[in-house]
């Protein structure tokens, strides 16, 4: 008998926007908006980017080396593209990654 699995299960930790208000020092940690749209189209603060260059675009947008990354998916964005964007955002270690709508 042979048994196999074709799915790889993993988890991604993200913050959800709209929680309890916090005191935020905007000058020390700016927000970067990463939009995920249908077809895997990504924009970083309104500038189009490709999936493989997200880490570079996010790092360039973080002038101080630290930033909150706000991931905003469109209603028709694929879950796979959203998760990939979140994973790449976390890999930059710029700061917290927050999913917003």
PDB file of N, CA and C in Angstrom:
ATOM      1  N   UNK A   1       0.844  -1.163   0.000  1.00  0.00           N
ATOM      2  CA  UNK A   1       0.000   0.000   0.000  1.00  0.00           C
ATOM      3  C   UNK A   1       0.897   1.235   0.000  1.00  0.00           C
ATOM      4  N   UNK A   2       0.461   2.250  -0.714  1.00  0.00           N
ATOM      5  CA  UNK A   2       1.219   3.491  -0.839  1.00  0.00           C
ATOM      6  C   UNK A   2       0.326   4.647  -0.420  1.00  0.00           C
ATOM      7  N   UNK A   3       0.885   5.525   0.372  1.00  0.00           N
ATOM      8  CA  UNK A   3       0.124   6.686   0.823  1.00  0.00           C
ATOM      9  C   UNK A   3       0.948   7.936   0.571  1.00  0.00           C
ATOM     10  N   UNK A   4       0.279   9.007   0.163  1.00  0.00           N
ATOM     11  CA  UNK A   4       0.979  10.249  -0.123  1.00  0.00           C
ATOM     12  C   UNK A   4       0.031  11.415   0.100  1.00  0.00           C
ATOM     13  N   UNK A   5       0.609  12.581   0.233  1.00  0.00           N
ATOM     14  CA  UNK A   5      -0.183  13.794   0.335  1.00  0.00           C
ATOM     15  C   UNK A   5       0.320  14.789  -0.696  1.00  0.00           C
ATOM     16  N   UNK A   6      -0.581  15.532  -1.273  1.00  0.00           N
ATOM     17  CA  UNK A   6      -0.216  16.481  -2.307  1.00  0.00           C
ATOM     18  C   UNK A   6      -0.381  17.922  -1.848  1.00  0.00           C
ATOM     19  N   UNK A   7      -0.759  18.106  -0.626  1.00  0.00           N
ATOM     20  CA  UNK A   7      -0.959  19.448  -0.089  1.00  0.00           C
ATOM     21  C   UNK A   7       0.098  19.750   0.955  1.00  0.00           C
ATOM     22  N   UNK A   8       0.559  20.973   0.935  1.00  0.00           N
ATOM     23  CA  UNK A   8       1.500  21.427   1.949  1.00  0.00           C
ATOM     24  C   UNK A   8       0.753  22.440   2.817  1.00  0.00           C
ATOM     25  N   UNK A   9       0.594  22.113   4.076  1.00  0.00           N
ATOM     26  CA  UNK A   9      -0.125  23.001   4.979  1.00  0.00           C
ATOM     27  C   UNK A   9       0.867  23.880   5.727  1.00  0.00           C
ATOM     28  N   UNK A  10       0.542  25.143   5.822  1.00  0.00           N
ATOM     29  CA  UNK A  10       1.387  26.095   6.533  1.00  0.00           C
ATOM     30  C   UNK A  10       0.479  27.197   7.067  1.00  0.00           C
ATOM     31  N   UNK A  11       1.047  28.073   7.872  1.00  0.00           N
ATOM     32  CA  UNK A  11       0.267  29.199   8.366  1.00  0.00           C
ATOM     33  C   UNK A  11       1.075  30.476   8.228  1.00  0.00           C
ATOM     34  N   UNK A  12       0.367  31.567   8.128  1.00  0.00           N
ATOM     35  CA  UNK A  12       0.976  32.884   8.008  1.00  0.00           C
ATOM     36  C   UNK A  12       0.338  33.760   9.067  1.00  0.00           C
ATOM     37  N   UNK A  13       1.154  34.362   9.921  1.00  0.00           N
ATOM     38  CA  UNK A  13       0.632  35.241  10.960  1.00  0.00           C
ATOM     39  C   UNK A  13       0.593  36.674  10.438  1.00  0.00           C
ATOM     40  N   UNK A  14      -0.572  37.310  10.545  1.00  0.00           N
ATOM     41  CA  UNK A  14      -0.727  38.710  10.154  1.00  0.00           C
ATOM     42  C   UNK A  14      -1.600  39.409  11.181  1.00  0.00           C
ATOM     43  N   UNK A  15      -1.431  40.697  11.281  1.00  0.00           N
ATOM     44  CA  UNK A  15      -2.311  41.498  12.117  1.00  0.00           C
ATOM     45  C   UNK A  15      -3.522  41.901  11.298  1.00  0.00           C
ATOM     46  N   UNK A  16      -4.645  42.093  11.938  1.00  0.00           N
ATOM     47  CA  UNK A  16      -5.855  42.532  11.270  1.00  0.00           C
ATOM     48  C   UNK A  16      -6.112  43.977  11.669  1.00  0.00           C
ATOM     49  N   UNK A  17      -6.255  44.848  10.683  1.00  0.00           N
ATOM     50  CA  UNK A  17      -6.505  46.262  10.948  1.00  0.00           C
ATOM     51  C   UNK A  17      -7.827  46.466  11.677  1.00  0.00           C
ATOM     52  N   UNK A  18      -7.927  47.538  12.431  1.00  0.00           N
ATOM     53  CA  UNK A  18      -9.171  47.878  13.112  1.00  0.00           C
ATOM     54  C   UNK A  18      -9.211  47.445  14.561  1.00  0.00           C
ATOM     55  N   UNK A  19      -8.074  47.025  15.116  1.00  0.00           N
ATOM     56  CA  UNK A  19      -8.038  46.621  16.515  1.00  0.00           C
ATOM     57  C   UNK A  19      -8.075  47.831  17.430  1.00  0.00           C
ATOM     58  N   UNK A  20      -7.708  47.619  18.658  1.00  0.00           N
ATOM     59  CA  UNK A  20      -7.699  48.700  19.640  1.00  0.00           C
ATOM     60  C   UNK A  20      -6.721  49.785  19.209  1.00  0.00           C
ATOM     61  N   UNK A  21      -7.074  51.039  19.386  1.00  0.00           N
ATOM     62  CA  UNK A  21      -6.179  52.124  18.993  1.00  0.00           C
ATOM     63  C   UNK A  21      -4.900  52.107  19.819  1.00  0.00           C
ATOM     64  N   UNK A  22      -3.813  52.437  19.153  1.00  0.00           N
ATOM     65  CA  UNK A  22      -2.507  52.492  19.820  1.00  0.00           C
ATOM     66  C   UNK A  22      -1.868  53.838  19.543  1.00  0.00           C
ATOM     67  N   UNK A  23      -0.945  54.216  20.379  1.00  0.00           N
ATOM     68  CA  UNK A  23      -0.177  55.421  20.132  1.00  0.00           C
ATOM     69  C   UNK A  23       0.873  55.086  19.083  1.00  0.00           C
ATOM     70  N   UNK A  24       0.834  55.791  17.959  1.00  0.00           N
ATOM     71  CA  UNK A  24       1.720  55.486  16.846  1.00  0.00           C
ATOM     72  C   UNK A  24       2.613  56.683  16.573  1.00  0.00           C
ATOM     73  N   UNK A  25       3.907  56.459  16.530  1.00  0.00           N
ATOM     74  CA  UNK A  25       4.859  57.490  16.151  1.00  0.00           C
ATOM     75  C   UNK A  25       5.072  57.356  14.645  1.00  0.00           C
ATOM     76  N   UNK A  26       4.299  58.111  13.870  1.00  0.00           N
ATOM     77  CA  UNK A  26       4.297  57.985  12.413  1.00  0.00           C
ATOM     78  C   UNK A  26       5.656  58.296  11.812  1.00  0.00           C
ATOM     79  N   UNK A  27       6.397  59.229  12.383  1.00  0.00           N
ATOM     80  CA  UNK A  27       7.683  59.600  11.810  1.00  0.00           C
ATOM     81  C   UNK A  27       8.720  58.501  11.948  1.00  0.00           C
ATOM     82  N   UNK A  28       8.654  57.697  12.987  1.00  0.00           N
ATOM     83  CA  UNK A  28       9.656  56.648  13.154  1.00  0.00           C
ATOM     84  C   UNK A  28       9.279  55.364  12.430  1.00  0.00           C
ATOM     85  N   UNK A  29       7.989  55.169  12.120  1.00  0.00           N
ATOM     86  CA  UNK A  29       7.572  53.964  11.411  1.00  0.00           C
ATOM     87  C   UNK A  29       6.440  54.302  10.455  1.00  0.00           C
ATOM     88  N   UNK A  30       6.766  54.640   9.212  1.00  0.00           N
ATOM     89  CA  UNK A  30       5.727  54.995   8.250  1.00  0.00           C
ATOM     90  C   UNK A  30       4.959  53.761   7.761  1.00  0.00           C
ATOM     91  N   UNK A  31       3.815  54.008   7.145  1.00  0.00           N
ATOM     92  CA  UNK A  31       3.023  52.940   6.551  1.00  0.00           C
ATOM     93  C   UNK A  31       3.386  52.791   5.082  1.00  0.00           C
ATOM     94  N   UNK A  32       3.445  51.558   4.617  1.00  0.00           N
ATOM     95  CA  UNK A  32       3.608  51.266   3.202  1.00  0.00           C
ATOM     96  C   UNK A  32       2.381  50.472   2.781  1.00  0.00           C
ATOM     97  N   UNK A  33       1.708  50.912   1.725  1.00  0.00           N
ATOM     98  CA  UNK A  33       0.512  50.228   1.243  1.00  0.00           C
ATOM     99  C   UNK A  33       0.883  49.289   0.097  1.00  0.00           C
ATOM    100  N   UNK A  34       0.657  48.002   0.311  1.00  0.00           N
ATOM    101  CA  UNK A  34       0.880  46.981  -0.711  1.00  0.00           C
ATOM    102  C   UNK A  34      -0.481  46.490  -1.170  1.00  0.00           C
ATOM    103  N   UNK A  35      -0.881  46.858  -2.382  1.00  0.00           N
ATOM    104  CA  UNK A  35      -2.170  46.446  -2.927  1.00  0.00           C
ATOM    105  C   UNK A  35      -1.996  45.198  -3.775  1.00  0.00           C
ATOM    106  N   UNK A  36      -2.897  44.232  -3.577  1.00  0.00           N
ATOM    107  CA  UNK A  36      -2.889  42.982  -4.347  1.00  0.00           C
ATOM    108  C   UNK A  36      -4.182  42.956  -5.142  1.00  0.00           C
ATOM    109  N   UNK A  37      -4.061  42.870  -6.473  1.00  0.00           N
ATOM    110  CA  UNK A  37      -5.234  42.903  -7.337  1.00  0.00           C
ATOM    111  C   UNK A  37      -5.343  41.604  -8.132  1.00  0.00           C
ATOM    112  N   UNK A  38      -6.440  41.456  -8.853  1.00  0.00           N
ATOM    113  CA  UNK A  38      -6.668  40.264  -9.670  1.00  0.00           C
ATOM    114  C   UNK A  38      -5.514  40.067 -10.657  1.00  0.00           C
ATOM    115  N   UNK A  39      -5.195  38.834 -10.912  1.00  0.00           N
ATOM    116  CA  UNK A  39      -4.124  38.523 -11.855  1.00  0.00           C
ATOM    117  C   UNK A  39      -2.737  38.687 -11.259  1.00  0.00           C
ATOM    118  N   UNK A  40      -2.653  38.838  -9.939  1.00  0.00           N
ATOM    119  CA  UNK A  40      -1.353  38.971  -9.288  1.00  0.00           C
ATOM    120  C   UNK A  40      -0.723  40.337  -9.479  1.00  0.00           C
ATOM    121  N   UNK A  41      -1.505  41.339  -9.850  1.00  0.00           N
ATOM    122  CA  UNK A  41      -0.989  42.699 -10.039  1.00  0.00           C
ATOM    123  C   UNK A  41      -0.765  43.321  -8.666  1.00  0.00           C
ATOM    124  N   UNK A  42       0.426  43.840  -8.440  1.00  0.00           N
ATOM    125  CA  UNK A  42       0.808  44.414  -7.153  1.00  0.00           C
ATOM    126  C   UNK A  42       1.237  45.857  -7.321  1.00  0.00           C
ATOM    127  N   UNK A  43       0.910  46.681  -6.334  1.00  0.00           N
ATOM    128  CA  UNK A  43       1.426  48.042  -6.302  1.00  0.00           C
ATOM    129  C   UNK A  43       1.947  48.342  -4.903  1.00  0.00           C
ATOM    130  N   UNK A  44       3.047  49.062  -4.833  1.00  0.00           N
ATOM    131  CA  UNK A  44       3.634  49.494  -3.570  1.00  0.00           C
ATOM    132  C   UNK A  44       3.506  51.014  -3.530  1.00  0.00           C
ATOM    133  N   UNK A  45       2.655  51.501  -2.629  1.00  0.00           N
ATOM    134  CA  UNK A  45       2.342  52.934  -2.533  1.00  0.00           C
ATOM    135  C   UNK A  45       1.937  53.505  -3.897  1.00  0.00           C
ATOM    136  N   UNK A  46       1.164  52.727  -4.670  1.00  0.00           N
ATOM    137  CA  UNK A  46       0.656  53.189  -5.957  1.00  0.00           C
ATOM    138  C   UNK A  46       1.558  52.919  -7.144  1.00  0.00           C
ATOM    139  N   UNK A  47       2.783  52.463  -6.898  1.00  0.00           N
ATOM    140  CA  UNK A  47       3.721  52.177  -7.982  1.00  0.00           C
ATOM    141  C   UNK A  47       3.650  50.695  -8.340  1.00  0.00           C
ATOM    142  N   UNK A  48       3.367  50.362  -9.608  1.00  0.00           N
ATOM    143  CA  UNK A  48       3.277  48.952 -10.006  1.00  0.00           C
ATOM    144  C   UNK A  48       4.588  48.202  -9.745  1.00  0.00           C
ATOM    145  N   UNK A  49       4.462  46.951  -9.365  1.00  0.00           N
ATOM    146  CA  UNK A  49       5.619  46.105  -9.096  1.00  0.00           C
ATOM    147  C   UNK A  49       5.279  44.679  -9.518  1.00  0.00           C
ATOM    148  N   UNK A  50       6.305  43.869  -9.709  1.00  0.00           N
ATOM    149  CA  UNK A  50       6.086  42.459 -10.014  1.00  0.00           C
ATOM    150  C   UNK A  50       6.366  41.639  -8.765  1.00  0.00           C
ATOM    151  N   UNK A  51       5.786  40.457  -8.712  1.00  0.00           N
ATOM    152  CA  UNK A  51       5.866  39.600  -7.521  1.00  0.00           C
ATOM    153  C   UNK A  51       7.312  39.373  -7.072  1.00  0.00           C
ATOM    154  N   UNK A  52       8.207  39.119  -8.003  1.00  0.00           N
ATOM    155  CA  UNK A  52       9.589  38.807  -7.637  1.00  0.00           C
ATOM    156  C   UNK A  52      10.372  40.009  -7.121  1.00  0.00           C
ATOM    157  N   UNK A  53       9.836  41.221  -7.290  1.00  0.00           N
ATOM    158  CA  UNK A  53      10.549  42.428  -6.866  1.00  0.00           C
ATOM    159  C   UNK A  53       9.900  43.114  -5.669  1.00  0.00           C
ATOM    160  N   UNK A  54       8.959  42.448  -5.023  1.00  0.00           N
ATOM    161  CA  UNK A  54       8.248  43.070  -3.906  1.00  0.00           C
ATOM    162  C   UNK A  54       9.185  43.430  -2.763  1.00  0.00           C
ATOM    163  N   UNK A  55      10.073  42.529  -2.381  1.00  0.00           N
ATOM    164  CA  UNK A  55      10.988  42.804  -1.262  1.00  0.00           C
ATOM    165  C   UNK A  55      11.831  44.044  -1.543  1.00  0.00           C
ATOM    166  N   UNK A  56      12.317  44.170  -2.752  1.00  0.00           N
ATOM    167  CA  UNK A  56      13.124  45.325  -3.130  1.00  0.00           C
ATOM    168  C   UNK A  56      12.292  46.601  -3.103  1.00  0.00           C
ATOM    169  N   UNK A  57      11.068  46.539  -3.637  1.00  0.00           N
ATOM    170  CA  UNK A  57      10.193  47.716  -3.664  1.00  0.00           C
ATOM    171  C   UNK A  57       9.805  48.152  -2.253  1.00  0.00           C
ATOM    172  N   UNK A  58       9.516  47.194  -1.371  1.00  0.00           N
ATOM    173  CA  UNK A  58       9.164  47.528   0.009  1.00  0.00           C
ATOM    174  C   UNK A  58      10.347  48.145   0.737  1.00  0.00           C
ATOM    175  N   UNK A  59      11.523  47.576   0.561  1.00  0.00           N
ATOM    176  CA  UNK A  59      12.722  48.117   1.213  1.00  0.00           C
ATOM    177  C   UNK A  59      13.019  49.526   0.731  1.00  0.00           C
ATOM    178  N   UNK A  60      12.831  49.773  -0.561  1.00  0.00           N
ATOM    179  CA  UNK A  60      13.071  51.111  -1.113  1.00  0.00           C
ATOM    180  C   UNK A  60      12.052  52.114  -0.570  1.00  0.00           C
ATOM    181  N   UNK A  61      10.826  51.670  -0.325  1.00  0.00           N
ATOM    182  CA  UNK A  61       9.777  52.562   0.178  1.00  0.00           C
ATOM    183  C   UNK A  61       9.952  52.885   1.661  1.00  0.00           C
ATOM    184  N   UNK A  62      10.702  52.062   2.379  1.00  0.00           N
ATOM    185  CA  UNK A  62      10.926  52.284   3.809  1.00  0.00           C
ATOM    186  C   UNK A  62      12.179  53.127   3.989  1.00  0.00           C
ATOM    187  N   UNK A  63      12.004  54.432   3.986  1.00  0.00           N
ATOM    188  CA  UNK A  63      13.140  55.356   4.052  1.00  0.00           C
ATOM    189  C   UNK A  63      13.963  55.180   5.321  1.00  0.00           C
ATOM    190  N   UNK A  64      13.313  54.864   6.440  1.00  0.00           N
ATOM    191  CA  UNK A  64      14.028  54.751   7.711  1.00  0.00           C
ATOM    192  C   UNK A  64      14.487  53.317   8.001  1.00  0.00           C
ATOM    193  N   UNK A  65      14.154  52.385   7.114  1.00  0.00           N
ATOM    194  CA  UNK A  65      14.526  50.990   7.355  1.00  0.00           C
ATOM    195  C   UNK A  65      13.497  50.233   8.166  1.00  0.00           C
ATOM    196  N   UNK A  66      12.472  50.921   8.650  1.00  0.00           N
ATOM    197  CA  UNK A  66      11.371  50.302   9.396  1.00  0.00           C
ATOM    198  C   UNK A  66      10.069  50.865   8.859  1.00  0.00           C
ATOM    199  N   UNK A  67       9.051  50.011   8.766  1.00  0.00           N
ATOM    200  CA  UNK A  67       7.740  50.465   8.298  1.00  0.00           C
ATOM    201  C   UNK A  67       6.688  49.416   8.619  1.00  0.00           C
ATOM    202  N   UNK A  68       5.454  49.879   8.748  1.00  0.00           N
ATOM    203  CA  UNK A  68       4.306  48.980   8.840  1.00  0.00           C
ATOM    204  C   UNK A  68       3.860  48.718   7.423  1.00  0.00           C
ATOM    205  N   UNK A  69       3.677  47.456   7.066  1.00  0.00           N
ATOM    206  CA  UNK A  69       3.244  47.107   5.719  1.00  0.00           C
ATOM    207  C   UNK A  69       1.766  46.758   5.774  1.00  0.00           C
ATOM    208  N   UNK A  70       0.964  47.548   5.087  1.00  0.00           N
ATOM    209  CA  UNK A  70      -0.473  47.342   5.037  1.00  0.00           C
ATOM    210  C   UNK A  70      -0.792  46.618   3.732  1.00  0.00           C
ATOM    211  N   UNK A  71      -1.246  45.376   3.820  1.00  0.00           N
ATOM    212  CA  UNK A  71      -1.584  44.587   2.639  1.00  0.00           C
ATOM    213  C   UNK A  71      -3.081  44.728   2.405  1.00  0.00           C
ATOM    214  N   UNK A  72      -3.443  45.275   1.242  1.00  0.00           N
ATOM    215  CA  UNK A  72      -4.855  45.500   0.911  1.00  0.00           C
ATOM    216  C   UNK A  72      -5.206  44.727  -0.358  1.00  0.00           C
ATOM    217  N   UNK A  73      -5.894  43.591  -0.212  1.00  0.00           N
ATOM    218  CA  UNK A  73      -6.306  42.834  -1.400  1.00  0.00           C
ATOM    219  C   UNK A  73      -7.597  43.394  -1.989  1.00  0.00           C
ATOM    220  N   UNK A  74      -7.720  43.316  -3.305  1.00  0.00           N
ATOM    221  CA  UNK A  74      -8.986  43.685  -3.941  1.00  0.00           C
ATOM    222  C   UNK A  74      -9.958  42.525  -3.764  1.00  0.00           C
ATOM    223  N   UNK A  75     -11.225  42.765  -4.031  1.00  0.00           N
ATOM    224  CA  UNK A  75     -12.251  41.733  -3.846  1.00  0.00           C
ATOM    225  C   UNK A  75     -12.034  40.529  -4.748  1.00  0.00           C
ATOM    226  N   UNK A  76     -11.380  40.718  -5.895  1.00  0.00           N
ATOM    227  CA  UNK A  76     -11.191  39.609  -6.826  1.00  0.00           C
ATOM    228  C   UNK A  76      -9.757  39.070  -6.846  1.00  0.00           C
ATOM    229  N   UNK A  77      -8.937  39.447  -5.862  1.00  0.00           N
ATOM    230  CA  UNK A  77      -7.571  38.927  -5.774  1.00  0.00           C
ATOM    231  C   UNK A  77      -7.596  37.463  -5.338  1.00  0.00           C
ATOM    232  N   UNK A  78      -6.693  36.672  -5.895  1.00  0.00           N
ATOM    233  CA  UNK A  78      -6.617  35.257  -5.531  1.00  0.00           C
ATOM    234  C   UNK A  78      -5.919  35.107  -4.177  1.00  0.00           C
ATOM    235  N   UNK A  79      -6.394  34.145  -3.404  1.00  0.00           N
ATOM    236  CA  UNK A  79      -5.814  33.888  -2.084  1.00  0.00           C
ATOM    237  C   UNK A  79      -4.322  33.591  -2.195  1.00  0.00           C
ATOM    238  N   UNK A  80      -3.916  32.855  -3.212  1.00  0.00           N
ATOM    239  CA  UNK A  80      -2.507  32.511  -3.407  1.00  0.00           C
ATOM    240  C   UNK A  80      -1.643  33.767  -3.546  1.00  0.00           C
ATOM    241  N   UNK A  81      -2.115  34.747  -4.316  1.00  0.00           N
ATOM    242  CA  UNK A  81      -1.360  35.987  -4.499  1.00  0.00           C
ATOM    243  C   UNK A  81      -1.289  36.795  -3.206  1.00  0.00           C
ATOM    244  N   UNK A  82      -2.371  36.789  -2.437  1.00  0.00           N
ATOM    245  CA  UNK A  82      -2.399  37.512  -1.158  1.00  0.00           C
ATOM    246  C   UNK A  82      -1.402  36.893  -0.179  1.00  0.00           C
ATOM    247  N   UNK A  83      -1.434  35.576  -0.051  1.00  0.00           N
ATOM    248  CA  UNK A  83      -0.524  34.882   0.870  1.00  0.00           C
ATOM    249  C   UNK A  83       0.922  35.087   0.450  1.00  0.00           C
ATOM    250  N   UNK A  84       1.204  35.002  -0.836  1.00  0.00           N
ATOM    251  CA  UNK A  84       2.573  35.208  -1.318  1.00  0.00           C
ATOM    252  C   UNK A  84       3.054  36.624  -0.993  1.00  0.00           C
ATOM    253  N   UNK A  85       2.178  37.616  -1.166  1.00  0.00           N
ATOM    254  CA  UNK A  85       2.535  39.002  -0.851  1.00  0.00           C
ATOM    255  C   UNK A  85       2.809  39.172   0.642  1.00  0.00           C
ATOM    256  N   UNK A  86       1.993  38.532   1.479  1.00  0.00           N
ATOM    257  CA  UNK A  86       2.198  38.600   2.931  1.00  0.00           C
ATOM    258  C   UNK A  86       3.524  37.939   3.313  1.00  0.00           C
ATOM    259  N   UNK A  87       3.796  36.771   2.765  1.00  0.00           N
ATOM    260  CA  UNK A  87       5.043  36.068   3.076  1.00  0.00           C
ATOM    261  C   UNK A  87       6.262  36.890   2.667  1.00  0.00           C
ATOM    262  N   UNK A  88       6.216  37.482   1.486  1.00  0.00           N
ATOM    263  CA  UNK A  88       7.348  38.292   1.038  1.00  0.00           C
ATOM    264  C   UNK A  88       7.492  39.563   1.871  1.00  0.00           C
ATOM    265  N   UNK A  89       6.373  40.114   2.312  1.00  0.00           N
ATOM    266  CA  UNK A  89       6.422  41.301   3.175  1.00  0.00           C
ATOM    267  C   UNK A  89       7.061  40.969   4.512  1.00  0.00           C
ATOM    268  N   UNK A  90       6.688  39.825   5.083  1.00  0.00           N
ATOM    269  CA  UNK A  90       7.268  39.408   6.357  1.00  0.00           C
ATOM    270  C   UNK A  90       8.755  39.109   6.219  1.00  0.00           C
ATOM    271  N   UNK A  91       9.153  38.584   5.078  1.00  0.00           N
ATOM    272  CA  UNK A  91      10.560  38.241   4.866  1.00  0.00           C
ATOM    273  C   UNK A  91      11.462  39.470   4.878  1.00  0.00           C
ATOM    274  N   UNK A  92      10.933  40.652   4.571  1.00  0.00           N
ATOM    275  CA  UNK A  92      11.754  41.868   4.586  1.00  0.00           C
ATOM    276  C   UNK A  92      12.127  42.291   5.998  1.00  0.00           C
ATOM    277  N   UNK A  93      11.329  41.867   7.001  1.00  0.00           N
ATOM    278  CA  UNK A  93      11.547  42.221   8.407  1.00  0.00           C
ATOM    279  C   UNK A  93      11.603  43.734   8.639  1.00  0.00           C
ATOM    280  N   UNK A  94      10.827  44.467   7.841  1.00  0.00           N
ATOM    281  CA  UNK A  94      10.756  45.920   8.013  1.00  0.00           C
ATOM    282  C   UNK A  94       9.917  46.314   9.214  1.00  0.00           C
ATOM    283  N   UNK A  95       8.922  45.492   9.534  1.00  0.00           N
ATOM    284  CA  UNK A  95       8.014  45.780  10.634  1.00  0.00           C
ATOM    285  C   UNK A  95       6.794  44.908  10.520  1.00  0.00           C
ATOM    286  N   UNK A  96       5.740  45.252  11.257  1.00  0.00           N
ATOM    287  CA  UNK A  96       4.537  44.414  11.243  1.00  0.00           C
ATOM    288  C   UNK A  96       3.836  44.443   9.888  1.00  0.00           C
ATOM    289  N   UNK A  97       3.213  43.316   9.552  1.00  0.00           N
ATOM    290  CA  UNK A  97       2.420  43.202   8.326  1.00  0.00           C
ATOM    291  C   UNK A  97       0.963  43.124   8.754  1.00  0.00           C
ATOM    292  N   UNK A  98       0.148  44.036   8.233  1.00  0.00           N
ATOM    293  CA  UNK A  98      -1.245  44.135   8.653  1.00  0.00           C
ATOM    294  C   UNK A  98      -2.145  43.999   7.430  1.00  0.00           C
ATOM    295  N   UNK A  99      -3.109  43.101   7.499  1.00  0.00           N
ATOM    296  CA  UNK A  99      -4.068  42.894   6.426  1.00  0.00           C
ATOM    297  C   UNK A  99      -5.236  43.849   6.611  1.00  0.00           C
ATOM    298  N   UNK A 100      -5.503  44.687   5.614  1.00  0.00           N
ATOM    299  CA  UNK A 100      -6.595  45.660   5.684  1.00  0.00           C
ATOM    300  C   UNK A 100      -7.499  45.498   4.471  1.00  0.00           C
ATOM    301  N   UNK A 101      -8.703  46.070   4.572  1.00  0.00           N
ATOM    302  CA  UNK A 101      -9.572  46.039   3.390  1.00  0.00           C
ATOM    303  C   UNK A 101     -10.030  47.415   3.020  1.00  0.00           C
TER     304      UNK A 101
END
